[in-house]
Amino acid sequence: MLSLMSTPTGVLIATLLLGVVFVNGWTDSPNAIATGCITKALSFSRCALLCGVFNLLGVLISPIFAEGVSENVFSLIDTEDSRQVQIIIISTLVTTILFGVVAWFFGMPTSESHGMLCGLLGSTAFFGGALQFYKIGTLLFHLFVSVLLALVLSLAVGLLFKRKRVFGSLGAISCLCALSLMHGCQDGQKFIGILKAFVSKADTHPDFFTNLSIVLPIGIVMLLGSLLGGKRIIKTYKNASTEDSPSYFMSSDIGTIFSILLCSIFGMAISTGIVKLFSLVGSALAFRKEVNKRVATATLLVALATLPICFVMGYFVSSILDSNSSFLFVLG
């Protein structure tokens, strides 16, 4: 089943995919460790290490309840032509890495996994009738549901606990671990879905999503990426509100955790960064604190811009690779 991975094209795709996973751990880990760092429950390095370990565990257990996420990602590639599949996957991975690094440079929380999905749709659209618009609608619907869940749940938790001092350092660390676990489950399954598209587009072997030779490398590289943390992005979260109490930040974490859990169970591919942003907004409403409109607006605009930008980038990169057919011919 994995014989294609030994080809030059397979090696390239595996390398790019692990690059995306690394960047994802690098830029998405601040979503999980922000509370631990801001409340000073642990040092930045310890937060990052703990986040990486639970991301790894999340990837490993993700087939138990989040397999529907990877199946939905897998289904977005609507072609059986092996050459087109190769171009689509390579274009998508290149797009995801470029967008993620640029967003990190400006300290903007964003979702490489959502960028990957939009890049995937753009790359697929390049090949004509392959794009089905209902899939874009489904992606947007899942995004809306995740945002609504995050807003409502964090608001409810904030209202429940804003006058109670039940969250200390242990609470912050527990939220960090749980949120990292959910991130590993959600995003790990997206990456597995992309790999499945290359390895077995025409093969729906049920053991693919639980194969440790696939799941374990993804989890380990995500762990390594998480160790880099992302202080730029944590600073953005810290500046997002005038509130700095542990209850405020942990209310947003709890809203994020349960939003990701529920969406993963129902196979929805969502954005951790966007969910985290709206969880902070929900907590701010509960604590009646003013959100830093400049930071919140900039973050939201970047999140929304991910959709069209990565779509266009995926389309553009596919057109370049397709016009240079010798590229894939040399790779074999």
C-alpha atoms as a PDB file:
ATOM      1  CA  MET A   1       0.000   0.000   0.000  1.00  0.00           C
ATOM      2  CA  LEU A   2       2.863   2.395   0.769  1.00  0.00           C
ATOM      3  CA  SER A   3       5.073   1.408  -2.189  1.00  0.00           C
ATOM      4  CA  LEU A   4       4.472   4.771  -3.892  1.00  0.00           C
ATOM      5  CA  MET A   5       6.243   6.524  -1.023  1.00  0.00           C
ATOM      6  CA  SER A   6       9.578   5.072  -2.169  1.00  0.00           C
ATOM      7  CA  THR A   7       9.394   6.872  -5.536  1.00  0.00           C
ATOM      8  CA  PRO A   8      11.047  10.286  -6.023  1.00  0.00           C
ATOM      9  CA  THR A   9       7.608  11.910  -6.178  1.00  0.00           C
ATOM     10  CA  GLY A  10       6.597  10.094  -3.014  1.00  0.00           C
ATOM     11  CA  VAL A  11       9.717  11.293  -1.198  1.00  0.00           C
ATOM     12  CA  LEU A  12       9.035  14.882  -2.296  1.00  0.00           C
ATOM     13  CA  ILE A  13       5.410  14.747  -1.166  1.00  0.00           C
ATOM     14  CA  ALA A  14       6.319  13.146   2.160  1.00  0.00           C
ATOM     15  CA  THR A  15       8.993  15.808   2.736  1.00  0.00           C
ATOM     16  CA  LEU A  16       6.596  18.650   1.902  1.00  0.00           C
ATOM     17  CA  LEU A  17       3.874  17.137   4.059  1.00  0.00           C
ATOM     18  CA  LEU A  18       6.198  16.854   7.037  1.00  0.00           C
ATOM     19  CA  GLY A  19       7.231  20.454   6.350  1.00  0.00           C
ATOM     20  CA  VAL A  20       3.572  21.487   6.610  1.00  0.00           C
ATOM     21  CA  VAL A  21       3.186  19.475   9.817  1.00  0.00           C
ATOM     22  CA  PHE A  22       6.297  21.145  11.257  1.00  0.00           C
ATOM     23  CA  VAL A  23       5.052  24.642  10.386  1.00  0.00           C
ATOM     24  CA  ASN A  24       1.651  23.705  11.794  1.00  0.00           C
ATOM     25  CA  GLY A  25       3.151  22.685  15.128  1.00  0.00           C
ATOM     26  CA  TRP A  26       5.292  25.806  15.078  1.00  0.00           C
ATOM     27  CA  THR A  27       2.495  28.300  14.369  1.00  0.00           C
ATOM     28  CA  ASP A  28      -0.566  26.548  15.858  1.00  0.00           C
ATOM     29  CA  SER A  29       1.000  25.616  19.199  1.00  0.00           C
ATOM     30  CA  PRO A  30       0.591  29.217  20.487  1.00  0.00           C
ATOM     31  CA  ASN A  31      -3.181  28.606  20.410  1.00  0.00           C
ATOM     32  CA  ALA A  32      -2.673  25.973  23.092  1.00  0.00           C
ATOM     33  CA  ILE A  33       0.186  27.418  25.137  1.00  0.00           C
ATOM     34  CA  ALA A  34      -0.893  31.072  25.247  1.00  0.00           C
ATOM     35  CA  THR A  35      -2.827  30.675  28.513  1.00  0.00           C
ATOM     36  CA  GLY A  36      -0.017  28.782  30.231  1.00  0.00           C
ATOM     37  CA  CYS A  37       2.495  31.461  29.189  1.00  0.00           C
ATOM     38  CA  ILE A  38       0.356  34.530  29.881  1.00  0.00           C
ATOM     39  CA  THR A  39      -0.717  33.305  33.326  1.00  0.00           C
ATOM     40  CA  LYS A  40       2.885  32.201  34.005  1.00  0.00           C
ATOM     41  CA  ALA A  41       1.777  28.734  35.028  1.00  0.00           C
ATOM     42  CA  LEU A  42       4.891  27.395  33.289  1.00  0.00           C
ATOM     43  CA  SER A  43       7.835  28.832  31.410  1.00  0.00           C
ATOM     44  CA  PHE A  44       7.527  29.238  27.653  1.00  0.00           C
ATOM     45  CA  SER A  45       9.852  26.297  26.930  1.00  0.00           C
ATOM     46  CA  ARG A  46       7.981  23.956  29.279  1.00  0.00           C
ATOM     47  CA  CYS A  47       4.641  25.009  27.798  1.00  0.00           C
ATOM     48  CA  ALA A  48       5.959  24.297  24.302  1.00  0.00           C
ATOM     49  CA  LEU A  49       7.348  20.896  25.306  1.00  0.00           C
ATOM     50  CA  LEU A  50       4.114  19.860  27.011  1.00  0.00           C
ATOM     51  CA  CYS A  51       2.138  21.080  24.012  1.00  0.00           C
ATOM     52  CA  GLY A  52       4.317  19.029  21.666  1.00  0.00           C
ATOM     53  CA  VAL A  53       3.906  15.847  23.691  1.00  0.00           C
ATOM     54  CA  PHE A  54       0.104  16.141  23.770  1.00  0.00           C
ATOM     55  CA  ASN A  55      -0.010  17.044  20.075  1.00  0.00           C
ATOM     56  CA  LEU A  56       1.793  13.757  19.438  1.00  0.00           C
ATOM     57  CA  LEU A  57      -0.676  11.877  21.620  1.00  0.00           C
ATOM     58  CA  GLY A  58      -3.553  13.601  19.824  1.00  0.00           C
ATOM     59  CA  VAL A  59      -2.313  12.436  16.432  1.00  0.00           C
ATOM     60  CA  LEU A  60      -1.920   8.882  17.756  1.00  0.00           C
ATOM     61  CA  ILE A  61      -5.453   8.660  19.191  1.00  0.00           C
ATOM     62  CA  SER A  62      -7.119  10.650  16.396  1.00  0.00           C
ATOM     63  CA  PRO A  63      -8.279   7.569  14.437  1.00  0.00           C
ATOM     64  CA  ILE A  64     -10.472   6.605  17.397  1.00  0.00           C
ATOM     65  CA  PHE A  65     -12.993   9.430  16.952  1.00  0.00           C
ATOM     66  CA  ALA A  66     -11.758  11.900  14.321  1.00  0.00           C
ATOM     67  CA  GLU A  67     -11.297   9.688  11.266  1.00  0.00           C
ATOM     68  CA  GLY A  68     -14.193  11.459   9.539  1.00  0.00           C
ATOM     69  CA  VAL A  69     -12.003  14.585   9.291  1.00  0.00           C
ATOM     70  CA  SER A  70      -9.402  12.851   7.121  1.00  0.00           C
ATOM     71  CA  GLU A  71     -12.102  11.190   5.028  1.00  0.00           C
ATOM     72  CA  ASN A  72     -13.615  14.613   4.292  1.00  0.00           C
ATOM     73  CA  VAL A  73     -10.208  16.008   3.313  1.00  0.00           C
ATOM     74  CA  PHE A  74      -9.540  12.948   1.159  1.00  0.00           C
ATOM     75  CA  SER A  75     -12.838  13.442  -0.685  1.00  0.00           C
ATOM     76  CA  LEU A  76     -11.955  17.017  -1.741  1.00  0.00           C
ATOM     77  CA  ILE A  77      -9.637  15.688  -4.492  1.00  0.00           C
ATOM     78  CA  ASP A  78     -12.171  14.903  -7.165  1.00  0.00           C
ATOM     79  CA  THR A  79      -9.977  13.223  -9.775  1.00  0.00           C
ATOM     80  CA  GLU A  80      -8.531   9.753 -10.334  1.00  0.00           C
ATOM     81  CA  ASP A  81      -5.780  10.948 -12.719  1.00  0.00           C
ATOM     82  CA  SER A  82      -2.531  10.150 -10.882  1.00  0.00           C
ATOM     83  CA  ARG A  83      -0.594  12.982 -12.517  1.00  0.00           C
ATOM     84  CA  GLN A  84      -3.256  15.523 -11.565  1.00  0.00           C
ATOM     85  CA  VAL A  85      -3.370  14.150  -8.018  1.00  0.00           C
ATOM     86  CA  GLN A  86       0.413  14.597  -7.701  1.00  0.00           C
ATOM     87  CA  ILE A  87       0.259  18.185  -8.936  1.00  0.00           C
ATOM     88  CA  ILE A  88      -2.700  19.004  -6.664  1.00  0.00           C
ATOM     89  CA  ILE A  89      -0.990  17.631  -3.562  1.00  0.00           C
ATOM     90  CA  ILE A  90       2.394  19.262  -4.230  1.00  0.00           C
ATOM     91  CA  SER A  91       0.729  22.610  -5.008  1.00  0.00           C
ATOM     92  CA  THR A  92      -1.377  22.404  -1.856  1.00  0.00           C
ATOM     93  CA  LEU A  93       1.587  21.650   0.400  1.00  0.00           C
ATOM     94  CA  VAL A  94       3.761  24.404  -1.105  1.00  0.00           C
ATOM     95  CA  THR A  95       0.893  26.884  -0.690  1.00  0.00           C
ATOM     96  CA  THR A  96       0.355  25.877   2.939  1.00  0.00           C
ATOM     97  CA  ILE A  97       4.009  26.250   3.914  1.00  0.00           C
ATOM     98  CA  LEU A  98       4.396  29.664   2.251  1.00  0.00           C
ATOM     99  CA  PHE A  99       1.213  31.080   3.762  1.00  0.00           C
ATOM    100  CA  GLY A 100       1.958  29.733   7.237  1.00  0.00           C
ATOM    101  CA  VAL A 101       5.459  31.198   7.370  1.00  0.00           C
ATOM    102  CA  VAL A 102       4.304  34.616   6.153  1.00  0.00           C
ATOM    103  CA  ALA A 103       1.457  34.725   8.702  1.00  0.00           C
ATOM    104  CA  TRP A 104       3.851  33.755  11.504  1.00  0.00           C
ATOM    105  CA  PHE A 105       6.305  36.492  10.437  1.00  0.00           C
ATOM    106  CA  PHE A 106       3.612  39.112  11.059  1.00  0.00           C
ATOM    107  CA  GLY A 107       2.563  37.453  14.324  1.00  0.00           C
ATOM    108  CA  MET A 108      -0.903  36.598  13.060  1.00  0.00           C
ATOM    109  CA  PRO A 109      -2.712  33.509  14.394  1.00  0.00           C
ATOM    110  CA  THR A 110      -3.938  31.534  11.409  1.00  0.00           C
ATOM    111  CA  SER A 111      -4.653  27.959  10.428  1.00  0.00           C
ATOM    112  CA  GLU A 112      -2.296  26.095   8.131  1.00  0.00           C
ATOM    113  CA  SER A 113      -4.799  23.276   7.991  1.00  0.00           C
ATOM    114  CA  HIS A 114      -7.529  25.618   6.720  1.00  0.00           C
ATOM    115  CA  GLY A 115      -5.045  27.162   4.316  1.00  0.00           C
ATOM    116  CA  MET A 116      -4.295  23.638   3.158  1.00  0.00           C
ATOM    117  CA  LEU A 117      -7.958  22.895   2.516  1.00  0.00           C
ATOM    118  CA  CYS A 118      -8.393  26.086   0.493  1.00  0.00           C
ATOM    119  CA  GLY A 119      -5.160  25.451  -1.385  1.00  0.00           C
ATOM    120  CA  LEU A 120      -6.472  21.975  -2.119  1.00  0.00           C
ATOM    121  CA  LEU A 121      -9.706  23.368  -3.524  1.00  0.00           C
ATOM    122  CA  GLY A 122      -7.813  25.927  -5.630  1.00  0.00           C
ATOM    123  CA  SER A 123      -5.416  23.303  -6.973  1.00  0.00           C
ATOM    124  CA  THR A 124      -8.339  21.020  -7.810  1.00  0.00           C
ATOM    125  CA  ALA A 125     -10.191  23.895  -9.496  1.00  0.00           C
ATOM    126  CA  PHE A 126      -7.298  24.340 -11.916  1.00  0.00           C
ATOM    127  CA  PHE A 127      -8.237  21.057 -13.552  1.00  0.00           C
ATOM    128  CA  GLY A 128     -11.598  22.305 -14.742  1.00  0.00           C
ATOM    129  CA  GLY A 129     -14.768  20.564 -13.676  1.00  0.00           C
ATOM    130  CA  ALA A 130     -13.114  18.862 -10.718  1.00  0.00           C
ATOM    131  CA  LEU A 131     -14.300  21.559  -8.293  1.00  0.00           C
ATOM    132  CA  GLN A 132     -17.775  21.090  -6.802  1.00  0.00           C
ATOM    133  CA  PHE A 133     -19.037  24.263  -5.206  1.00  0.00           C
ATOM    134  CA  TYR A 134     -21.031  22.457  -2.546  1.00  0.00           C
ATOM    135  CA  LYS A 135     -17.697  21.433  -1.033  1.00  0.00           C
ATOM    136  CA  ILE A 136     -16.790  25.100  -0.543  1.00  0.00           C
ATOM    137  CA  GLY A 137     -20.194  25.608   1.042  1.00  0.00           C
ATOM    138  CA  THR A 138     -19.579  22.652   3.350  1.00  0.00           C
ATOM    139  CA  LEU A 139     -16.190  24.060   4.358  1.00  0.00           C
ATOM    140  CA  LEU A 140     -17.740  27.442   5.163  1.00  0.00           C
ATOM    141  CA  PHE A 141     -20.598  25.780   7.051  1.00  0.00           C
ATOM    142  CA  HIS A 142     -18.139  23.850   9.218  1.00  0.00           C
ATOM    143  CA  LEU A 143     -16.259  27.096   9.840  1.00  0.00           C
ATOM    144  CA  PHE A 144     -19.482  28.845  10.885  1.00  0.00           C
ATOM    145  CA  VAL A 145     -20.494  26.012  13.226  1.00  0.00           C
ATOM    146  CA  SER A 146     -17.058  25.964  14.888  1.00  0.00           C
ATOM    147  CA  VAL A 147     -17.111  29.743  15.375  1.00  0.00           C
ATOM    148  CA  LEU A 148     -20.619  29.696  16.847  1.00  0.00           C
ATOM    149  CA  LEU A 149     -19.740  26.844  19.187  1.00  0.00           C
ATOM    150  CA  ALA A 150     -16.574  28.598  20.355  1.00  0.00           C
ATOM    151  CA  LEU A 151     -18.390  31.866  20.996  1.00  0.00           C
ATOM    152  CA  VAL A 152     -21.301  30.306  22.898  1.00  0.00           C
ATOM    153  CA  LEU A 153     -19.289  27.788  24.929  1.00  0.00           C
ATOM    154  CA  SER A 154     -16.602  30.254  26.040  1.00  0.00           C
ATOM    155  CA  LEU A 155     -19.291  32.810  26.914  1.00  0.00           C
ATOM    156  CA  ALA A 156     -21.140  30.217  28.996  1.00  0.00           C
ATOM    157  CA  VAL A 157     -17.978  29.067  30.799  1.00  0.00           C
ATOM    158  CA  GLY A 158     -16.926  32.664  31.400  1.00  0.00           C
ATOM    159  CA  LEU A 159     -20.297  33.570  32.918  1.00  0.00           C
ATOM    160  CA  LEU A 160     -20.124  30.495  35.126  1.00  0.00           C
ATOM    161  CA  PHE A 161     -16.655  31.077  36.513  1.00  0.00           C
ATOM    162  CA  LYS A 162     -15.902  34.790  36.268  1.00  0.00           C
ATOM    163  CA  ARG A 163     -16.629  35.399  39.967  1.00  0.00           C
ATOM    164  CA  LYS A 164     -15.011  32.177  41.159  1.00  0.00           C
ATOM    165  CA  ARG A 165     -11.320  31.573  41.677  1.00  0.00           C
ATOM    166  CA  VAL A 166     -11.317  27.939  40.611  1.00  0.00           C
ATOM    167  CA  PHE A 167      -8.567  28.216  38.018  1.00  0.00           C
ATOM    168  CA  GLY A 168      -4.979  28.199  39.183  1.00  0.00           C
ATOM    169  CA  SER A 169      -1.771  27.008  37.588  1.00  0.00           C
ATOM    170  CA  LEU A 170      -3.056  23.429  37.513  1.00  0.00           C
ATOM    171  CA  GLY A 171      -6.103  24.568  35.562  1.00  0.00           C
ATOM    172  CA  ALA A 172      -3.964  26.420  33.033  1.00  0.00           C
ATOM    173  CA  ILE A 173      -1.731  23.386  32.532  1.00  0.00           C
ATOM    174  CA  SER A 174      -4.749  21.078  32.191  1.00  0.00           C
ATOM    175  CA  CYS A 175      -6.235  23.352  29.520  1.00  0.00           C
ATOM    176  CA  LEU A 176      -2.897  23.444  27.712  1.00  0.00           C
ATOM    177  CA  CYS A 177      -2.725  19.637  27.605  1.00  0.00           C
ATOM    178  CA  ALA A 178      -6.353  19.152  26.550  1.00  0.00           C
ATOM    179  CA  LEU A 179      -6.214  21.820  23.854  1.00  0.00           C
ATOM    180  CA  SER A 180      -2.959  20.400  22.470  1.00  0.00           C
ATOM    181  CA  LEU A 181      -4.526  16.947  22.408  1.00  0.00           C
ATOM    182  CA  MET A 182      -7.532  18.222  20.455  1.00  0.00           C
ATOM    183  CA  HIS A 183      -5.283  20.105  18.042  1.00  0.00           C
ATOM    184  CA  GLY A 184      -3.269  16.947  17.364  1.00  0.00           C
ATOM    185  CA  CYS A 185      -6.469  14.978  16.742  1.00  0.00           C
ATOM    186  CA  GLN A 186      -8.016  17.537  14.391  1.00  0.00           C
ATOM    187  CA  ASP A 187      -4.985  18.604  12.359  1.00  0.00           C
ATOM    188  CA  GLY A 188      -3.265  15.222  12.378  1.00  0.00           C
ATOM    189  CA  GLN A 189      -6.238  13.689  10.594  1.00  0.00           C
ATOM    190  CA  LYS A 190      -6.197  16.436   7.943  1.00  0.00           C
ATOM    191  CA  PHE A 191      -2.580  15.630   7.094  1.00  0.00           C
ATOM    192  CA  ILE A 192      -3.314  11.907   6.990  1.00  0.00           C
ATOM    193  CA  GLY A 193      -6.150  12.606   4.547  1.00  0.00           C
ATOM    194  CA  ILE A 194      -3.756  14.455   2.231  1.00  0.00           C
ATOM    195  CA  LEU A 195      -1.244  11.600   2.339  1.00  0.00           C
ATOM    196  CA  LYS A 196      -3.958   9.051   1.639  1.00  0.00           C
ATOM    197  CA  ALA A 197      -4.901  10.978  -1.495  1.00  0.00           C
ATOM    198  CA  PHE A 198      -1.428  10.345  -2.901  1.00  0.00           C
ATOM    199  CA  VAL A 199      -0.826   6.841  -1.603  1.00  0.00           C
ATOM    200  CA  SER A 200      -4.208   5.315  -2.255  1.00  0.00           C
ATOM    201  CA  LYS A 201      -6.648   7.620  -4.034  1.00  0.00           C
ATOM    202  CA  ALA A 202      -8.425   4.609  -5.472  1.00  0.00           C
ATOM    203  CA  ASP A 203      -7.921   2.452  -2.370  1.00  0.00           C
ATOM    204  CA  THR A 204     -10.084   2.890   0.708  1.00  0.00           C
ATOM    205  CA  HIS A 205      -8.225   0.381   2.843  1.00  0.00           C
ATOM    206  CA  PRO A 206      -9.700   0.738   6.366  1.00  0.00           C
ATOM    207  CA  ASP A 207      -6.338   0.343   8.123  1.00  0.00           C
ATOM    208  CA  PHE A 208      -4.756   3.368   6.453  1.00  0.00           C
ATOM    209  CA  PHE A 209      -5.769   5.870   9.116  1.00  0.00           C
ATOM    210  CA  THR A 210      -4.463   3.701  11.969  1.00  0.00           C
ATOM    211  CA  ASN A 211      -1.153   2.722  10.353  1.00  0.00           C
ATOM    212  CA  LEU A 212       1.562   3.726  12.839  1.00  0.00           C
ATOM    213  CA  SER A 213       4.141   4.125  10.051  1.00  0.00           C
ATOM    214  CA  ILE A 214       1.962   7.031   8.861  1.00  0.00           C
ATOM    215  CA  VAL A 215       0.565   8.418  12.102  1.00  0.00           C
ATOM    216  CA  LEU A 216       3.745   8.312  14.208  1.00  0.00           C
ATOM    217  CA  PRO A 217       6.038  10.409  11.925  1.00  0.00           C
ATOM    218  CA  ILE A 218       3.322  13.055  11.608  1.00  0.00           C
ATOM    219  CA  GLY A 219       2.948  13.212  15.381  1.00  0.00           C
ATOM    220  CA  ILE A 220       6.692  13.385  16.019  1.00  0.00           C
ATOM    221  CA  VAL A 221       7.257  16.189  13.518  1.00  0.00           C
ATOM    222  CA  MET A 222       4.303  18.111  14.962  1.00  0.00           C
ATOM    223  CA  LEU A 223       5.953  17.738  18.363  1.00  0.00           C
ATOM    224  CA  LEU A 224       9.236  19.134  17.025  1.00  0.00           C
ATOM    225  CA  GLY A 225       7.429  22.078  15.447  1.00  0.00           C
ATOM    226  CA  SER A 226       5.600  22.780  18.702  1.00  0.00           C
ATOM    227  CA  LEU A 227       8.928  23.098  20.520  1.00  0.00           C
ATOM    228  CA  LEU A 228       9.595  26.273  18.554  1.00  0.00           C
ATOM    229  CA  GLY A 229       6.459  27.739  20.117  1.00  0.00           C
ATOM    230  CA  GLY A 230       5.672  31.078  18.528  1.00  0.00           C
ATOM    231  CA  LYS A 231       6.181  34.013  20.869  1.00  0.00           C
ATOM    232  CA  ARG A 232       5.055  36.478  18.211  1.00  0.00           C
ATOM    233  CA  ILE A 233       1.584  34.930  18.114  1.00  0.00           C
ATOM    234  CA  ILE A 234       1.309  34.627  21.906  1.00  0.00           C
ATOM    235  CA  LYS A 235       1.999  38.355  22.128  1.00  0.00           C
ATOM    236  CA  THR A 236      -0.922  38.943  19.754  1.00  0.00           C
ATOM    237  CA  TYR A 237      -3.250  36.983  22.041  1.00  0.00           C
ATOM    238  CA  LYS A 238      -2.003  38.886  25.072  1.00  0.00           C
ATOM    239  CA  ASN A 239      -2.766  42.180  23.347  1.00  0.00           C
ATOM    240  CA  ALA A 240      -6.223  41.063  22.230  1.00  0.00           C
ATOM    241  CA  SER A 241      -7.920  42.122  25.471  1.00  0.00           C
ATOM    242  CA  THR A 242      -7.400  44.298  28.516  1.00  0.00           C
ATOM    243  CA  GLU A 243      -8.359  41.345  30.739  1.00  0.00           C
ATOM    244  CA  ASP A 244      -5.510  39.240  32.095  1.00  0.00           C
ATOM    245  CA  SER A 245      -7.119  37.011  34.734  1.00  0.00           C
ATOM    246  CA  PRO A 246      -6.562  33.232  34.532  1.00  0.00           C
ATOM    247  CA  SER A 247     -10.325  32.629  34.484  1.00  0.00           C
ATOM    248  CA  TYR A 248     -10.681  34.752  31.350  1.00  0.00           C
ATOM    249  CA  PHE A 249      -8.042  32.920  29.333  1.00  0.00           C
ATOM    250  CA  MET A 250      -9.006  29.476  30.593  1.00  0.00           C
ATOM    251  CA  SER A 251     -12.673  30.086  29.769  1.00  0.00           C
ATOM    252  CA  SER A 252     -11.598  30.675  26.184  1.00  0.00           C
ATOM    253  CA  ASP A 253      -9.482  27.514  26.278  1.00  0.00           C
ATOM    254  CA  ILE A 254     -12.383  25.392  27.515  1.00  0.00           C
ATOM    255  CA  GLY A 255     -14.639  26.797  24.788  1.00  0.00           C
ATOM    256  CA  THR A 256     -11.966  25.999  22.202  1.00  0.00           C
ATOM    257  CA  ILE A 257     -11.388  22.467  23.525  1.00  0.00           C
ATOM    258  CA  PHE A 258     -15.019  21.408  23.403  1.00  0.00           C
ATOM    259  CA  SER A 259     -15.648  23.113  20.065  1.00  0.00           C
ATOM    260  CA  ILE A 260     -12.793  21.155  18.457  1.00  0.00           C
ATOM    261  CA  LEU A 261     -13.899  17.934  20.154  1.00  0.00           C
ATOM    262  CA  LEU A 262     -17.494  18.192  18.932  1.00  0.00           C
ATOM    263  CA  CYS A 263     -16.495  19.195  15.411  1.00  0.00           C
ATOM    264  CA  SER A 264     -13.948  16.357  15.209  1.00  0.00           C
ATOM    265  CA  ILE A 265     -16.518  13.771  16.292  1.00  0.00           C
ATOM    266  CA  PHE A 266     -18.774  14.904  13.434  1.00  0.00           C
ATOM    267  CA  GLY A 267     -15.919  14.886  10.910  1.00  0.00           C
ATOM    268  CA  MET A 268     -15.717  18.661  10.463  1.00  0.00           C
ATOM    269  CA  ALA A 269     -12.370  20.047   9.300  1.00  0.00           C
ATOM    270  CA  ILE A 270     -12.039  23.341  11.189  1.00  0.00           C
ATOM    271  CA  SER A 271      -9.487  25.999  12.073  1.00  0.00           C
ATOM    272  CA  THR A 272      -7.956  25.942  15.561  1.00  0.00           C
ATOM    273  CA  GLY A 273      -6.772  29.551  15.194  1.00  0.00           C
ATOM    274  CA  ILE A 274     -10.176  30.916  14.229  1.00  0.00           C
ATOM    275  CA  VAL A 275     -11.931  28.897  16.952  1.00  0.00           C
ATOM    276  CA  LYS A 276      -9.446  30.244  19.503  1.00  0.00           C
ATOM    277  CA  LEU A 277     -10.054  33.827  18.364  1.00  0.00           C
ATOM    278  CA  PHE A 278     -13.822  33.607  18.787  1.00  0.00           C
ATOM    279  CA  SER A 279     -13.415  31.841  22.109  1.00  0.00           C
ATOM    280  CA  LEU A 280     -11.475  34.885  23.312  1.00  0.00           C
ATOM    281  CA  VAL A 281     -14.301  37.101  22.096  1.00  0.00           C
ATOM    282  CA  GLY A 282     -16.852  34.960  23.959  1.00  0.00           C
ATOM    283  CA  SER A 283     -14.796  35.190  27.151  1.00  0.00           C
ATOM    284  CA  ALA A 284     -14.454  38.941  26.742  1.00  0.00           C
ATOM    285  CA  LEU A 285     -18.245  39.243  26.498  1.00  0.00           C
ATOM    286  CA  ALA A 286     -18.653  37.172  29.663  1.00  0.00           C
ATOM    287  CA  PHE A 287     -16.136  39.255  31.598  1.00  0.00           C
ATOM    288  CA  ARG A 288     -17.509  42.484  30.104  1.00  0.00           C
ATOM    289  CA  LYS A 289     -14.075  43.498  28.974  1.00  0.00           C
ATOM    290  CA  GLU A 290     -13.360  45.441  25.842  1.00  0.00           C
ATOM    291  CA  VAL A 291     -11.615  43.518  23.115  1.00  0.00           C
ATOM    292  CA  ASN A 292      -8.686  45.261  21.456  1.00  0.00           C
ATOM    293  CA  LYS A 293     -10.544  45.994  18.236  1.00  0.00           C
ATOM    294  CA  ARG A 294      -7.408  46.640  16.210  1.00  0.00           C
ATOM    295  CA  VAL A 295      -5.815  43.314  17.122  1.00  0.00           C
ATOM    296  CA  ALA A 296      -9.064  41.349  16.898  1.00  0.00           C
ATOM    297  CA  THR A 297     -10.004  42.877  13.540  1.00  0.00           C
ATOM    298  CA  ALA A 298      -6.555  42.267  12.060  1.00  0.00           C
ATOM    299  CA  THR A 299      -6.594  38.657  13.256  1.00  0.00           C
ATOM    300  CA  LEU A 300     -10.088  38.046  11.895  1.00  0.00           C
ATOM    301  CA  LEU A 301      -9.213  39.607   8.543  1.00  0.00           C
ATOM    302  CA  VAL A 302      -6.150  37.364   8.241  1.00  0.00           C
ATOM    303  CA  ALA A 303      -8.297  34.335   9.087  1.00  0.00           C
ATOM    304  CA  LEU A 304     -10.895  35.245   6.467  1.00  0.00           C
ATOM    305  CA  ALA A 305      -8.236  36.165   3.920  1.00  0.00           C
ATOM    306  CA  THR A 306      -6.790  32.669   4.269  1.00  0.00           C
ATOM    307  CA  LEU A 307      -9.675  31.265   2.228  1.00  0.00           C
ATOM    308  CA  PRO A 308      -9.314  33.252  -1.024  1.00  0.00           C
ATOM    309  CA  ILE A 309      -5.541  33.760  -0.807  1.00  0.00           C
ATOM    310  CA  CYS A 310      -4.731  30.064  -0.415  1.00  0.00           C
ATOM    311  CA  PHE A 311      -7.329  29.160  -3.049  1.00  0.00           C
ATOM    312  CA  VAL A 312      -5.650  31.468  -5.577  1.00  0.00           C
ATOM    313  CA  MET A 313      -2.158  30.353  -4.529  1.00  0.00           C
ATOM    314  CA  GLY A 314      -3.118  26.690  -4.961  1.00  0.00           C
ATOM    315  CA  TYR A 315      -4.534  27.420  -8.420  1.00  0.00           C
ATOM    316  CA  PHE A 316      -1.463  29.428  -9.427  1.00  0.00           C
ATOM    317  CA  VAL A 317       1.099  26.868  -8.228  1.00  0.00           C
ATOM    318  CA  SER A 318      -0.821  24.091  -9.998  1.00  0.00           C
ATOM    319  CA  SER A 319      -0.721  26.057 -13.232  1.00  0.00           C
ATOM    320  CA  ILE A 320       3.057  26.436 -12.932  1.00  0.00           C
ATOM    321  CA  LEU A 321       3.636  22.738 -12.257  1.00  0.00           C
ATOM    322  CA  ASP A 322       1.220  21.670 -14.989  1.00  0.00           C
ATOM    323  CA  SER A 323       2.970  23.863 -17.566  1.00  0.00           C
ATOM    324  CA  ASN A 324       6.280  22.269 -16.595  1.00  0.00           C
ATOM    325  CA  SER A 325       5.316  18.664 -17.104  1.00  0.00           C
ATOM    326  CA  SER A 326       8.973  17.640 -17.236  1.00  0.00           C
ATOM    327  CA  PHE A 327       9.114  18.344 -13.480  1.00  0.00           C
ATOM    328  CA  LEU A 328       6.958  15.374 -12.536  1.00  0.00           C
ATOM    329  CA  PHE A 329       8.335  13.295 -15.394  1.00  0.00           C
ATOM    330  CA  VAL A 330      11.848  13.606 -13.959  1.00  0.00           C
ATOM    331  CA  LEU A 331      10.558  12.736 -10.489  1.00  0.00           C
ATOM    332  CA  GLY A 332       8.803   9.672 -11.828  1.00  0.00           C
END
